[in-house]
């Protein structure tokens, strides 16, 4: 028995598959590191989706780069937490030592599952806090505001409108009409005429100017909604890929942590990968 296995704790001779203390510690470490990496990405401008008007002008390459970063940070975070769980888990007795790798891997999957739940809870709390902070309880809003707020601003822009005029009801109704612009039929003629009348009554523009402004708003809204839909699809695929690959990374990292805990060599497939890395360093 090596010194590392002696310091890792007493041998576990009970037929228990999960030790919750290493799992919780690894999940907390994975969630913390993931939060740090995601916050850093948001600070430098990496994000698959955003409601900011300037983000809609971002290239597809930036969307893909953000998705790749999302996958890499998940691999690093979950692998880090799973390695901690595998390293902290008590070693097994000699009679059941053939189950070491499976049990370490299951601890890594448990870390992955718990960290996913914790991350979802944190994201839900952050989203709820942002909605409650940015949306007054007395305001009349629609689902279009987060996505088409800039288009609605341009639609009702007027230098002659009094400052105390409340446009929340008009903006909400216009937003619901503009949401239909990305549909198969687009904005119907009746809705377009009604929207032009609303803009003319609110801004004081002539009928022709109001119609031109409505046509511009419909075209811009269609483009904004289509780009938002594409970024949402990329975000969904990136999240699914990140979660699936991070589960594999958590299993492998927990197995590696268990091997380091017991002073044993790495599994054969990990040893081949490590040998390739050493050869590459020698060549360089």
Protein backbone atom coordinates (compact mmCIF):
# COMPACT_ATOMS: atom_id res chain seq x y z
CA UNK A 1 0.00 0.00 0.00
CA UNK A 2 1.37 3.37 -1.01
CA UNK A 3 1.53 6.46 1.09
CA UNK A 4 -1.24 8.11 -0.97
CA UNK A 5 -3.69 5.27 -0.30
CA UNK A 6 -2.88 5.41 3.39
CA UNK A 7 -3.64 9.11 3.60
CA UNK A 8 -6.79 8.85 1.47
CA UNK A 9 -8.74 7.28 4.34
CA UNK A 10 -9.63 3.83 5.65
CA UNK A 11 -10.48 1.03 3.24
CA UNK A 12 -14.15 0.81 2.33
CA UNK A 13 -15.26 -2.79 2.75
CA UNK A 14 -19.00 -2.00 2.66
CA UNK A 15 -20.93 -2.59 -0.59
CA UNK A 16 -21.75 1.11 -1.00
CA UNK A 17 -21.47 2.63 -4.42
CA UNK A 18 -21.72 6.30 -3.52
CA UNK A 19 -19.94 8.35 -0.88
CA UNK A 20 -21.75 11.64 -0.78
CA UNK A 21 -19.05 13.78 0.78
CA UNK A 22 -16.68 13.49 -2.22
CA UNK A 23 -19.62 13.85 -4.62
CA UNK A 24 -20.86 17.06 -2.99
CA UNK A 25 -17.36 18.50 -2.78
CA UNK A 26 -16.70 17.73 -6.44
CA UNK A 27 -20.07 19.14 -7.55
CA UNK A 28 -19.48 22.39 -5.66
CA UNK A 29 -16.01 22.71 -7.17
CA UNK A 30 -17.35 22.04 -10.68
CA UNK A 31 -20.17 24.56 -10.27
CA UNK A 32 -17.82 27.23 -8.91
CA UNK A 33 -15.29 26.80 -11.72
CA UNK A 34 -18.04 26.77 -14.35
CA UNK A 35 -19.50 29.98 -12.90
CA UNK A 36 -16.09 31.65 -13.05
CA UNK A 37 -15.49 30.61 -16.67
CA UNK A 38 -18.98 31.59 -17.83
CA UNK A 39 -18.71 34.97 -16.07
CA UNK A 40 -15.35 35.56 -17.74
CA UNK A 41 -16.85 34.72 -21.15
CA UNK A 42 -19.74 37.11 -20.57
CA UNK A 43 -17.30 39.85 -19.51
CA UNK A 44 -15.20 39.55 -22.69
CA UNK A 45 -18.26 39.34 -24.96
CA UNK A 46 -18.49 35.61 -25.65
CA UNK A 47 -22.12 34.52 -25.64
CA UNK A 48 -24.21 32.42 -27.97
CA UNK A 49 -27.32 34.53 -27.50
CA UNK A 50 -28.12 38.07 -26.39
CA UNK A 51 -31.01 40.53 -26.59
CA UNK A 52 -28.68 43.45 -27.27
CA UNK A 53 -29.27 45.09 -30.68
CA UNK A 54 -25.53 45.11 -31.43
CA UNK A 55 -25.31 41.35 -30.83
CA UNK A 56 -27.58 40.66 -33.82
CA UNK A 57 -24.85 42.07 -36.07
CA UNK A 58 -22.36 39.49 -34.77
CA UNK A 59 -21.07 36.94 -37.27
CA UNK A 60 -21.87 33.26 -37.26
CA UNK A 61 -18.19 32.64 -36.49
CA UNK A 62 -18.61 34.41 -33.14
CA UNK A 63 -21.67 32.28 -32.37
CA UNK A 64 -19.73 29.09 -33.17
CA UNK A 65 -16.70 30.28 -31.18
CA UNK A 66 -18.96 30.98 -28.20
CA UNK A 67 -20.50 27.51 -28.53
CA UNK A 68 -17.06 25.88 -28.62
CA UNK A 69 -16.04 27.82 -25.52
CA UNK A 70 -19.21 26.64 -23.78
CA UNK A 71 -18.26 23.04 -24.53
CA UNK A 72 -14.65 23.46 -23.41
CA UNK A 73 -15.56 25.16 -20.14
CA UNK A 74 -17.99 22.32 -19.37
CA UNK A 75 -15.28 19.73 -20.01
CA UNK A 76 -12.80 21.55 -17.77
CA UNK A 77 -15.28 22.29 -14.97
CA UNK A 78 -16.90 18.86 -14.72
CA UNK A 79 -13.57 17.11 -15.17
CA UNK A 80 -12.08 19.16 -12.33
CA UNK A 81 -14.95 18.38 -9.96
CA UNK A 82 -15.02 14.68 -10.87
CA UNK A 83 -11.26 14.38 -10.35
CA UNK A 84 -11.66 15.81 -6.85
CA UNK A 85 -14.41 13.29 -6.08
CA UNK A 86 -12.32 10.38 -7.34
CA UNK A 87 -9.30 11.53 -5.39
CA UNK A 88 -11.24 12.01 -2.12
CA UNK A 89 -13.22 8.76 -2.25
CA UNK A 90 -12.12 6.12 0.22
CA UNK A 91 -10.31 3.18 -1.43
CA UNK A 92 -11.91 -0.26 -1.51
CA UNK A 93 -10.80 -3.38 0.29
CA UNK A 94 -8.72 -5.95 -1.55
CA UNK A 95 -11.66 -8.34 -2.01
CA UNK A 96 -13.61 -5.90 -4.17
CA UNK A 97 -10.71 -4.05 -5.77
CA UNK A 98 -11.92 -5.07 -9.24
CA UNK A 99 -14.77 -2.56 -8.87
CA UNK A 100 -12.54 0.43 -8.23
CA UNK A 101 -12.73 1.91 -11.71
CA UNK A 102 -16.49 1.47 -12.00
CA UNK A 103 -17.14 3.02 -8.61
CA UNK A 104 -14.83 5.95 -9.31
CA UNK A 105 -16.57 6.52 -12.63
CA UNK A 106 -20.00 6.41 -11.00
CA UNK A 107 -18.85 9.01 -8.50
CA UNK A 108 -17.80 11.19 -11.44
CA UNK A 109 -21.25 10.82 -13.01
CA UNK A 110 -22.85 11.69 -9.68
CA UNK A 111 -20.74 14.85 -9.56
CA UNK A 112 -21.82 15.66 -13.10
CA UNK A 113 -25.53 15.18 -12.32
CA UNK A 114 -25.43 17.19 -9.09
CA UNK A 115 -23.43 20.01 -10.71
CA UNK A 116 -25.92 20.19 -13.60
CA UNK A 117 -28.79 20.53 -11.12
CA UNK A 118 -26.93 23.21 -9.15
CA UNK A 119 -26.06 25.10 -12.33
CA UNK A 120 -29.67 24.98 -13.50
CA UNK A 121 -30.88 26.30 -10.17
CA UNK A 122 -28.37 29.17 -10.24
CA UNK A 123 -29.30 30.05 -13.82
CA UNK A 124 -33.01 30.00 -12.92
CA UNK A 125 -32.50 32.22 -9.90
CA UNK A 126 -30.38 34.66 -11.90
CA UNK A 127 -32.95 34.80 -14.69
CA UNK A 128 -35.83 35.33 -12.27
CA UNK A 129 -33.94 38.10 -10.47
CA UNK A 130 -33.16 39.83 -13.78
CA UNK A 131 -36.79 39.68 -14.89
CA UNK A 132 -38.07 41.01 -11.57
CA UNK A 133 -35.52 43.82 -11.57
CA UNK A 134 -36.01 44.97 -15.17
CA UNK A 135 -39.81 44.56 -15.42
CA UNK A 136 -42.00 46.68 -13.10
CA UNK A 137 -45.01 44.87 -11.76
CA UNK A 138 -47.38 47.58 -13.01
CA UNK A 139 -46.04 47.69 -16.53
CA UNK A 140 -47.87 46.27 -19.52
CA UNK A 141 -45.29 44.22 -21.39
CA UNK A 142 -45.18 41.59 -24.11
CA UNK A 143 -42.83 38.81 -25.10
CA UNK A 144 -41.41 41.05 -27.85
CA UNK A 145 -39.76 43.54 -25.49
CA UNK A 146 -36.54 41.64 -24.76
CA UNK A 147 -35.91 40.87 -28.44
CA UNK A 148 -37.51 43.78 -30.33
CA UNK A 149 -37.01 46.62 -27.86
CA UNK A 150 -34.76 48.53 -30.27
CA UNK A 151 -37.24 48.15 -33.15
CA UNK A 152 -40.06 49.38 -30.91
CA UNK A 153 -37.97 52.37 -29.85
CA UNK A 154 -37.42 53.34 -33.49
CA UNK A 155 -41.05 52.71 -34.35
CA UNK A 156 -42.44 55.18 -31.77
CA UNK A 157 -39.59 57.69 -31.87
CA UNK A 158 -40.80 61.27 -31.98
CA UNK A 159 -39.30 64.59 -30.99
CA UNK A 160 -42.71 66.24 -30.61
CA UNK A 161 -44.25 63.76 -28.19
CA UNK A 162 -44.71 65.02 -24.61
CA UNK A 163 -42.42 63.40 -22.09
CA UNK A 164 -45.24 62.25 -19.80
CA UNK A 165 -47.00 60.08 -22.44
CA UNK A 166 -47.17 56.41 -21.39
CA UNK A 167 -46.47 54.15 -24.38
CA UNK A 168 -46.30 50.82 -22.57
CA UNK A 169 -49.68 49.62 -23.81
CA UNK A 170 -48.95 50.70 -27.40
CA UNK A 171 -45.50 49.12 -27.33
CA UNK A 172 -46.89 45.85 -26.01
CA UNK A 173 -49.57 45.70 -28.70
CA UNK A 174 -47.14 46.69 -31.45
CA UNK A 175 -44.66 44.12 -30.21
CA UNK A 176 -47.21 41.34 -30.45
CA UNK A 177 -47.94 42.40 -34.03
CA UNK A 178 -44.25 42.51 -34.96
CA UNK A 179 -43.72 39.02 -33.58
CA UNK A 180 -45.85 37.70 -36.44
CA UNK A 181 -43.35 39.10 -38.96
CA UNK A 182 -41.23 35.94 -38.75
CA UNK A 183 -44.18 33.68 -39.43
CA UNK A 184 -45.00 32.00 -42.73
CA UNK A 185 -47.57 34.65 -43.73
CA UNK A 186 -45.86 37.60 -42.06
CA UNK A 187 -47.80 40.64 -40.84
CA UNK A 188 -51.24 40.67 -42.43
CA UNK A 189 -52.57 43.79 -44.17
CA UNK A 190 -55.06 44.66 -41.43
CA UNK A 191 -52.38 44.56 -38.72
CA UNK A 192 -50.02 46.61 -40.88
CA UNK A 193 -52.67 49.30 -41.45
CA UNK A 194 -53.60 49.36 -37.77
CA UNK A 195 -49.92 49.63 -36.78
CA UNK A 196 -49.45 52.55 -39.19
CA UNK A 197 -52.45 54.34 -37.67
CA UNK A 198 -51.08 53.77 -34.18
CA UNK A 199 -47.68 55.15 -35.14
CA UNK A 200 -49.22 58.17 -36.83
CA UNK A 201 -51.42 58.97 -33.83
CA UNK A 202 -48.51 58.59 -31.40
CA UNK A 203 -45.73 60.33 -33.31
CA UNK A 204 -47.67 62.85 -35.41
CA UNK A 205 -46.17 61.60 -38.67
CA UNK A 206 -48.07 61.66 -41.94
CA UNK A 207 -49.72 58.53 -43.28
CA UNK A 208 -46.97 57.87 -45.85
CA UNK A 209 -44.18 58.37 -43.31
CA UNK A 210 -45.96 56.13 -40.81
CA UNK A 211 -46.33 53.36 -43.41
CA UNK A 212 -42.66 53.60 -44.36
CA UNK A 213 -41.63 53.42 -40.72
CA UNK A 214 -43.90 50.39 -40.16
CA UNK A 215 -42.48 48.61 -43.22
CA UNK A 216 -38.94 49.24 -41.96
CA UNK A 217 -39.87 47.97 -38.48
CA UNK A 218 -41.43 44.82 -39.92
CA UNK A 219 -38.35 44.04 -42.03
CA UNK A 220 -35.95 44.70 -39.13
CA UNK A 221 -38.09 42.64 -36.75
CA UNK A 222 -38.12 39.71 -39.18
CA UNK A 223 -34.31 39.80 -39.43
CA UNK A 224 -33.88 40.15 -35.65
CA UNK A 225 -36.23 37.24 -34.92
CA UNK A 226 -34.55 35.01 -37.51
CA UNK A 227 -31.10 35.73 -36.10
CA UNK A 228 -32.37 35.15 -32.58
CA UNK A 229 -33.84 31.82 -33.67
CA UNK A 230 -30.53 30.76 -35.25
CA UNK A 231 -28.54 31.73 -32.16
CA UNK A 232 -31.01 29.81 -29.98
CA UNK A 233 -30.51 26.70 -32.10
CA UNK A 234 -26.73 27.01 -31.79
CA UNK A 235 -27.12 27.52 -28.03
CA UNK A 236 -29.31 24.41 -27.73
CA UNK A 237 -26.87 22.22 -29.66
CA UNK A 238 -23.91 23.63 -27.73
CA UNK A 239 -25.57 22.94 -24.38
CA UNK A 240 -26.55 19.40 -25.36
CA UNK A 241 -23.06 18.64 -26.67
CA UNK A 242 -21.41 20.21 -23.62
CA UNK A 243 -23.52 18.18 -21.20
CA UNK A 244 -23.02 14.87 -23.01
CA UNK A 245 -19.27 15.28 -23.48
CA UNK A 246 -18.82 16.56 -19.94
CA UNK A 247 -20.44 13.37 -18.61
CA UNK A 248 -17.75 11.35 -20.39
CA UNK A 249 -15.08 13.74 -19.11
CA UNK A 250 -16.42 13.41 -15.55
CA UNK A 251 -16.20 9.60 -15.71
CA UNK A 252 -12.64 9.70 -17.07
CA UNK A 253 -11.48 12.36 -14.60
CA UNK A 254 -12.91 10.47 -11.63
CA UNK A 255 -11.15 7.30 -12.78
CA UNK A 256 -7.89 9.22 -13.11
CA UNK A 257 -8.37 10.70 -9.65
CA UNK A 258 -8.97 7.26 -8.19
CA UNK A 259 -5.84 5.92 -9.86
CA UNK A 260 -3.78 8.77 -8.43
CA UNK A 261 -5.37 8.15 -5.02
CA UNK A 262 -4.34 4.49 -5.04
CA UNK A 263 -0.95 5.07 -6.62
CA UNK A 264 -1.93 2.84 -9.54
CA UNK A 265 -1.04 3.43 -13.19
CA UNK A 266 -3.57 5.07 -15.46
CA UNK A 267 -5.93 2.91 -17.54
CA UNK A 268 -4.54 1.69 -20.85
CA UNK A 269 -6.45 4.18 -22.99
CA UNK A 270 -5.30 7.07 -20.79
CA UNK A 271 -1.73 5.78 -20.84
CA UNK A 272 -1.72 5.75 -24.66
CA UNK A 273 -2.97 9.33 -24.70
CA UNK A 274 -0.31 10.40 -22.20
CA UNK A 275 2.40 8.62 -24.20
CA UNK A 276 1.36 10.52 -27.33
CA UNK A 277 1.58 13.80 -25.45
CA UNK A 278 5.09 12.95 -24.19
CA UNK A 279 6.24 12.04 -27.71
CA UNK A 280 4.91 15.32 -29.05
CA UNK A 281 6.81 17.27 -26.40
CA UNK A 282 10.03 15.38 -27.26
CA UNK A 283 9.62 16.12 -30.96
CA UNK A 284 9.11 19.81 -30.27
